[in-house]
All heavy atoms as atom14 arrays in JSON, in Angstrom:
{
  "sequence": "AITRAVPFGPEQERTYFSIEGRPPLAKGERL",
  "atom14_mask": [
    [1, 1, 1, 1, 1, 0, 0, 0, 0, 0, 0, 0, 0, 0],
    [1, 1, 1, 1, 1, 1, 1, 1, 0, 0, 0, 0, 0, 0],
    [1, 1, 1, 1, 1, 1, 1, 0, 0, 0, 0, 0, 0, 0],
    [1, 1, 1, 1, 1, 1, 1, 1, 1, 1, 1, 0, 0, 0],
    [1, 1, 1, 1, 1, 0, 0, 0, 0, 0, 0, 0, 0, 0],
    [1, 1, 1, 1, 1, 1, 1, 0, 0, 0, 0, 0, 0, 0],
    [1, 1, 1, 1, 1, 1, 1, 0, 0, 0, 0, 0, 0, 0],
    [1, 1, 1, 1, 1, 1, 1, 1, 1, 1, 1, 0, 0, 0],
    [1, 1, 1, 1, 0, 0, 0, 0, 0, 0, 0, 0, 0, 0],
    [1, 1, 1, 1, 1, 1, 1, 0, 0, 0, 0, 0, 0, 0],
    [1, 1, 1, 1, 1, 1, 1, 1, 1, 0, 0, 0, 0, 0],
    [1, 1, 1, 1, 1, 1, 1, 1, 1, 0, 0, 0, 0, 0],
    [1, 1, 1, 1, 1, 1, 1, 1, 1, 0, 0, 0, 0, 0],
    [1, 1, 1, 1, 1, 1, 1, 1, 1, 1, 1, 0, 0, 0],
    [1, 1, 1, 1, 1, 1, 1, 0, 0, 0, 0, 0, 0, 0],
    [1, 1, 1, 1, 1, 1, 1, 1, 1, 1, 1, 1, 0, 0],
    [1, 1, 1, 1, 1, 1, 1, 1, 1, 1, 1, 0, 0, 0],
    [1, 1, 1, 1, 1, 1, 0, 0, 0, 0, 0, 0, 0, 0],
    [1, 1, 1, 1, 1, 1, 1, 1, 0, 0, 0, 0, 0, 0],
    [1, 1, 1, 1, 1, 1, 1, 1, 1, 0, 0, 0, 0, 0],
    [1, 1, 1, 1, 0, 0, 0, 0, 0, 0, 0, 0, 0, 0],
    [1, 1, 1, 1, 1, 1, 1, 1, 1, 1, 1, 0, 0, 0],
    [1, 1, 1, 1, 1, 1, 1, 0, 0, 0, 0, 0, 0, 0],
    [1, 1, 1, 1, 1, 1, 1, 0, 0, 0, 0, 0, 0, 0],
    [1, 1, 1, 1, 1, 1, 1, 1, 0, 0, 0, 0, 0, 0],
    [1, 1, 1, 1, 1, 0, 0, 0, 0, 0, 0, 0, 0, 0],
    [1, 1, 1, 1, 1, 1, 1, 1, 1, 0, 0, 0, 0, 0],
    [1, 1, 1, 1, 0, 0, 0, 0, 0, 0, 0, 0, 0, 0],
    [1, 1, 1, 1, 1, 1, 1, 1, 1, 0, 0, 0, 0, 0],
    [1, 1, 1, 1, 1, 1, 1, 1, 1, 1, 1, 0, 0, 0],
    [1, 1, 1, 1, 1, 1, 1, 1, 0, 0, 0, 0, 0, 0]
  ],
  "atom14_positions": [
    [[-40.39, 1.02, -11.96], [-39.78, 0.72, -10.69], [-39.04, 1.95, -10.16], [-38.88, 2.92, -10.95], [-38.8, -0.46, -10.79], [0.0, 0.0, 0.0], [0.0, 0.0, 0.0], [0.0, 0.0, 0.0], [0.0, 0.0, 0.0], [0.0, 0.0, 0.0], [0.0, 0.0, 0.0], [0.0, 0.0, 0.0], [0.0, 0.0, 0.0], [0.0, 0.0, 0.0]],
    [[-38.65, 1.95, -8.9], [-37.89, 3.07, -8.37], [-36.65, 2.53, -7.63], [-36.62, 1.4, -7.16], [-38.72, 3.94, -7.43], [-39.33, 3.12, -6.27], [-39.78, 4.66, -8.19], [-40.07, 4.01, -5.29], [0.0, 0.0, 0.0], [0.0, 0.0, 0.0], [0.0, 0.0, 0.0], [0.0, 0.0, 0.0], [0.0, 0.0, 0.0], [0.0, 0.0, 0.0]],
    [[-35.67, 3.41, -7.55], [-34.44, 3.12, -6.78], [-33.88, 4.45, -6.33], [-34.24, 5.53, -6.87], [-33.44, 2.38, -7.61], [-32.3, 2.04, -6.83], [-32.96, 3.22, -8.81], [0.0, 0.0, 0.0], [0.0, 0.0, 0.0], [0.0, 0.0, 0.0], [0.0, 0.0, 0.0], [0.0, 0.0, 0.0], [0.0, 0.0, 0.0], [0.0, 0.0, 0.0]],
    [[-32.95, 4.43, -5.41], [-32.36, 5.65, -4.91], [-31.46, 6.29, -5.94], [-31.41, 7.53, -6.03], [-31.58, 5.35, -3.64], [-30.79, 6.56, -3.11], [-31.66, 7.69, -2.73], [-30.91, 8.87, -2.41], [-30.51, 9.76, -3.3], [-30.83, 9.66, -4.58], [-29.84, 10.84, -2.95], [0.0, 0.0, 0.0], [0.0, 0.0, 0.0], [0.0, 0.0, 0.0]],
    [[-30.77, 5.51, -6.75], [-29.83, 6.09, -7.76], [-29.71, 5.11, -8.89], [-29.31, 3.96, -8.69], [-28.51, 6.43, -7.16], [0.0, 0.0, 0.0], [0.0, 0.0, 0.0], [0.0, 0.0, 0.0], [0.0, 0.0, 0.0], [0.0, 0.0, 0.0], [0.0, 0.0, 0.0], [0.0, 0.0, 0.0], [0.0, 0.0, 0.0], [0.0, 0.0, 0.0]],
    [[-30.05, 5.54, -10.11], [-29.92, 4.64, -11.26], [-28.49, 4.51, -11.7], [-27.62, 5.36, -11.42], [-30.77, 5.21, -12.47], [-32.24, 5.13, -12.18], [-30.31, 6.6, -12.82], [0.0, 0.0, 0.0], [0.0, 0.0, 0.0], [0.0, 0.0, 0.0], [0.0, 0.0, 0.0], [0.0, 0.0, 0.0], [0.0, 0.0, 0.0], [0.0, 0.0, 0.0]],
    [[-28.13, 3.41, -12.37], [-26.8, 3.27, -12.88], [-26.44, 4.4, -13.86], [-27.33, 4.9, -14.59], [-26.86, 1.91, -13.65], [-27.99, 1.19, -13.01], [-28.96, 2.2, -12.59], [0.0, 0.0, 0.0], [0.0, 0.0, 0.0], [0.0, 0.0, 0.0], [0.0, 0.0, 0.0], [0.0, 0.0, 0.0], [0.0, 0.0, 0.0], [0.0, 0.0, 0.0]],
    [[-25.2, 4.83, -13.83], [-24.67, 5.86, -14.66], [-25.28, 7.29, -14.36], [-25.07, 8.22, -15.09], [-24.89, 5.59, -16.19], [-24.36, 4.22, -16.58], [-25.2, 3.14, -16.69], [-23.04, 4.06, -16.78], [-24.71, 1.89, -17.0], [-22.48, 2.8, -17.17], [-23.35, 1.76, -17.26], [0.0, 0.0, 0.0], [0.0, 0.0, 0.0], [0.0, 0.0, 0.0]],
    [[-26.04, 7.38, -13.28], [-26.59, 8.68, -12.9], [-25.55, 9.52, -12.22], [-24.44, 9.05, -11.89], [0.0, 0.0, 0.0], [0.0, 0.0, 0.0], [0.0, 0.0, 0.0], [0.0, 0.0, 0.0], [0.0, 0.0, 0.0], [0.0, 0.0, 0.0], [0.0, 0.0, 0.0], [0.0, 0.0, 0.0], [0.0, 0.0, 0.0], [0.0, 0.0, 0.0]],
    [[-25.87, 10.79, -11.99], [-24.9, 11.71, -11.37], [-24.63, 11.44, -9.88], [-23.66, 11.96, -9.33], [-25.49, 13.1, -11.6], [-26.99, 12.79, -11.67], [-27.13, 11.45, -12.32], [0.0, 0.0, 0.0], [0.0, 0.0, 0.0], [0.0, 0.0, 0.0], [0.0, 0.0, 0.0], [0.0, 0.0, 0.0], [0.0, 0.0, 0.0], [0.0, 0.0, 0.0]],
    [[-25.52, 10.66, -9.24], [-25.38, 10.47, -7.81], [-25.25, 8.96, -7.48], [-26.12, 8.2, -7.99], [-26.54, 11.09, -7.05], [-26.69, 12.59, -7.19], [-27.95, 13.16, -6.55], [-28.74, 12.31, -6.08], [-28.08, 14.34, -6.52], [0.0, 0.0, 0.0], [0.0, 0.0, 0.0], [0.0, 0.0, 0.0], [0.0, 0.0, 0.0], [0.0, 0.0, 0.0]],
    [[-24.31, 8.58, -6.79], [-24.15, 7.23, -6.32], [-23.99, 7.22, -4.8], [-23.22, 8.07, -4.25], [-22.99, 6.53, -7.01], [-23.01, 6.56, -8.52], [-24.2, 5.85, -9.11], [-24.66, 4.84, -8.59], [-24.67, 6.35, -10.27], [0.0, 0.0, 0.0], [0.0, 0.0, 0.0], [0.0, 0.0, 0.0], [0.0, 0.0, 0.0], [0.0, 0.0, 0.0]],
    [[-24.72, 6.35, -4.1], [-24.69, 6.44, -2.65], [-24.04, 5.16, -2.08], [-24.31, 4.05, -2.51], [-26.13, 6.53, -2.12], [-26.2, 6.7, -0.61], [-27.6, 7.02, -0.11], [-28.48, 7.25, -0.96], [-27.81, 6.93, 1.12], [0.0, 0.0, 0.0], [0.0, 0.0, 0.0], [0.0, 0.0, 0.0], [0.0, 0.0, 0.0], [0.0, 0.0, 0.0]],
    [[-23.11, 5.34, -1.12], [-22.45, 4.25, -0.45], [-22.84, 4.14, 1.01], [-23.33, 5.07, 1.58], [-20.9, 4.42, -0.58], [-20.37, 4.23, -1.99], [-18.84, 4.3, -2.03], [-18.24, 3.26, -1.22], [-18.07, 1.99, -1.6], [-18.52, 1.63, -2.78], [-17.48, 1.12, -0.82], [0.0, 0.0, 0.0], [0.0, 0.0, 0.0], [0.0, 0.0, 0.0]],
    [[-22.59, 2.97, 1.53], [-22.8, 2.71, 2.92], [-21.67, 1.83, 3.46], [-21.04, 1.13, 2.7], [-24.13, 2.04, 3.17], [-24.49, 2.13, 4.58], [-24.17, 0.6, 2.75], [0.0, 0.0, 0.0], [0.0, 0.0, 0.0], [0.0, 0.0, 0.0], [0.0, 0.0, 0.0], [0.0, 0.0, 0.0], [0.0, 0.0, 0.0], [0.0, 0.0, 0.0]],
    [[-21.43, 1.88, 4.76], [-20.48, 1.04, 5.37], [-21.18, 0.09, 6.34], [-22.19, 0.49, 6.97], [-19.41, 1.86, 6.11], [-18.59, 2.67, 5.13], [-18.9, 4.0, 4.89], [-17.54, 2.1, 4.43], [-18.18, 4.76, 3.96], [-16.81, 2.84, 3.48], [-17.15, 4.16, 3.27], [-16.42, 4.91, 2.36], [0.0, 0.0, 0.0], [0.0, 0.0, 0.0]],
    [[-20.71, -1.15, 6.44], [-21.5, -2.16, 7.17], [-20.6, -3.13, 7.87], [-19.4, -3.17, 7.64], [-22.42, -2.91, 6.19], [-21.66, -3.68, 5.15], [-21.31, -5.04, 5.37], [-21.4, -3.1, 3.92], [-20.66, -5.78, 4.42], [-20.67, -3.87, 2.98], [-20.32, -5.21, 3.2], [0.0, 0.0, 0.0], [0.0, 0.0, 0.0], [0.0, 0.0, 0.0]],
    [[-21.19, -3.95, 8.73], [-20.52, -5.11, 9.3], [-21.45, -6.28, 9.12], [-22.61, -6.16, 8.74], [-20.2, -4.84, 10.77], [-21.38, -4.62, 11.49], [0.0, 0.0, 0.0], [0.0, 0.0, 0.0], [0.0, 0.0, 0.0], [0.0, 0.0, 0.0], [0.0, 0.0, 0.0], [0.0, 0.0, 0.0], [0.0, 0.0, 0.0], [0.0, 0.0, 0.0]],
    [[-20.89, -7.45, 9.38], [-21.65, -8.69, 9.21], [-21.89, -9.35, 10.54], [-20.99, -9.55, 11.31], [-20.94, -9.68, 8.23], [-20.71, -9.0, 6.89], [-21.69, -10.97, 8.11], [-19.8, -9.79, 5.98], [0.0, 0.0, 0.0], [0.0, 0.0, 0.0], [0.0, 0.0, 0.0], [0.0, 0.0, 0.0], [0.0, 0.0, 0.0], [0.0, 0.0, 0.0]],
    [[-23.17, -9.6, 10.86], [-23.52, -10.18, 12.16], [-22.85, -11.5, 12.33], [-22.83, -12.36, 11.42], [-25.05, -10.29, 12.21], [-25.56, -10.7, 13.62], [-27.08, -10.77, 13.63], [-27.65, -11.72, 13.06], [-27.72, -9.86, 14.24], [0.0, 0.0, 0.0], [0.0, 0.0, 0.0], [0.0, 0.0, 0.0], [0.0, 0.0, 0.0], [0.0, 0.0, 0.0]],
    [[-22.27, -11.69, 13.51], [-21.65, -12.96, 13.82], [-20.18, -13.04, 13.49], [-19.48, -13.99, 13.83], [0.0, 0.0, 0.0], [0.0, 0.0, 0.0], [0.0, 0.0, 0.0], [0.0, 0.0, 0.0], [0.0, 0.0, 0.0], [0.0, 0.0, 0.0], [0.0, 0.0, 0.0], [0.0, 0.0, 0.0], [0.0, 0.0, 0.0], [0.0, 0.0, 0.0]],
    [[-19.65, -12.0, 12.83], [-18.23, -11.95, 12.47], [-17.49, -11.22, 13.6], [-18.07, -10.36, 14.3], [-18.04, -11.2, 11.19], [-18.71, -11.91, 9.94], [-17.75, -12.91, 9.37], [-18.35, -13.61, 8.21], [-18.3, -13.17, 6.92], [-17.61, -12.08, 6.66], [-18.86, -13.88, 6.0], [0.0, 0.0, 0.0], [0.0, 0.0, 0.0], [0.0, 0.0, 0.0]],
    [[-16.18, -11.49, 13.76], [-15.4, -10.75, 14.75], [-15.44, -9.25, 14.48], [-15.59, -8.82, 13.3], [-14.0, -11.29, 14.57], [-14.18, -12.63, 13.93], [-15.4, -12.5, 13.07], [0.0, 0.0, 0.0], [0.0, 0.0, 0.0], [0.0, 0.0, 0.0], [0.0, 0.0, 0.0], [0.0, 0.0, 0.0], [0.0, 0.0, 0.0], [0.0, 0.0, 0.0]],
    [[-15.33, -8.41, 15.48], [-15.31, -6.96, 15.29], [-14.2, -6.58, 14.3], [-13.14, -7.18, 14.28], [-15.08, -6.38, 16.67], [-15.5, -7.46, 17.58], [-15.19, -8.75, 16.9], [0.0, 0.0, 0.0], [0.0, 0.0, 0.0], [0.0, 0.0, 0.0], [0.0, 0.0, 0.0], [0.0, 0.0, 0.0], [0.0, 0.0, 0.0], [0.0, 0.0, 0.0]],
    [[-14.46, -5.52, 13.5], [-13.48, -5.04, 12.54], [-12.33, -4.39, 13.25], [-12.5, -3.81, 14.31], [-14.14, -4.07, 11.57], [-15.3, -4.63, 10.69], [-15.92, -3.49, 9.88], [-14.8, -5.74, 9.77], [0.0, 0.0, 0.0], [0.0, 0.0, 0.0], [0.0, 0.0, 0.0], [0.0, 0.0, 0.0], [0.0, 0.0, 0.0], [0.0, 0.0, 0.0]],
    [[-11.13, -4.49, 12.66], [-10.01, -3.82, 13.2], [-10.18, -2.3, 13.12], [-10.98, -1.82, 12.33], [-8.74, -4.27, 12.41], [0.0, 0.0, 0.0], [0.0, 0.0, 0.0], [0.0, 0.0, 0.0], [0.0, 0.0, 0.0], [0.0, 0.0, 0.0], [0.0, 0.0, 0.0], [0.0, 0.0, 0.0], [0.0, 0.0, 0.0], [0.0, 0.0, 0.0]],
    [[-9.48, -1.62, 13.99], [-9.59, -0.19, 14.01], [-9.23, 0.46, 12.67], [-8.19, 0.12, 12.1], [-8.65, 0.39, 15.1], [-8.84, 1.92, 15.32], [-7.93, 2.41, 16.43], [-8.16, 3.87, 16.64], [-7.27, 4.42, 17.73], [0.0, 0.0, 0.0], [0.0, 0.0, 0.0], [0.0, 0.0, 0.0], [0.0, 0.0, 0.0], [0.0, 0.0, 0.0]],
    [[-10.14, 1.25, 12.15], [-9.88, 1.87, 10.87], [-10.36, 1.07, 9.69], [-10.4, 1.53, 8.51], [0.0, 0.0, 0.0], [0.0, 0.0, 0.0], [0.0, 0.0, 0.0], [0.0, 0.0, 0.0], [0.0, 0.0, 0.0], [0.0, 0.0, 0.0], [0.0, 0.0, 0.0], [0.0, 0.0, 0.0], [0.0, 0.0, 0.0], [0.0, 0.0, 0.0]],
    [[-10.78, -0.24, 9.9], [-11.28, -1.05, 8.81], [-12.74, -0.87, 8.59], [-13.53, -0.8, 9.55], [-10.96, -2.5, 9.13], [-11.37, -3.46, 8.01], [-11.18, -4.94, 8.35], [-10.73, -5.18, 9.52], [-11.45, -5.79, 7.51], [0.0, 0.0, 0.0], [0.0, 0.0, 0.0], [0.0, 0.0, 0.0], [0.0, 0.0, 0.0], [0.0, 0.0, 0.0]],
    [[-13.17, -0.74, 7.32], [-14.58, -0.59, 7.05], [-14.93, -1.4, 5.81], [-14.19, -1.45, 4.83], [-14.91, 0.85, 6.78], [-14.74, 1.8, 7.95], [-15.38, 3.17, 7.81], [-14.8, 3.88, 6.68], [-15.25, 5.09, 6.29], [-16.28, 5.69, 6.95], [-14.66, 5.74, 5.31], [0.0, 0.0, 0.0], [0.0, 0.0, 0.0], [0.0, 0.0, 0.0]],
    [[-16.1, -2.05, 5.85], [-16.59, -2.77, 4.68], [-17.56, -1.84, 3.99], [-18.5, -1.31, 4.57], [-17.34, -4.05, 5.13], [-16.55, -4.98, 6.05], [-17.4, -6.19, 6.38], [-15.23, -5.33, 5.47], [0.0, 0.0, 0.0], [0.0, 0.0, 0.0], [0.0, 0.0, 0.0], [0.0, 0.0, 0.0], [0.0, 0.0, 0.0], [0.0, 0.0, 0.0]]
  ]
}
């Protein structure tokens, strides 16, 4: 199988998101 970054590897990638149907996030807030 393949993935972008395996566990315990040197590179870990993050993303920030919102959830459809939820109120807009407050200024400066990120999920």
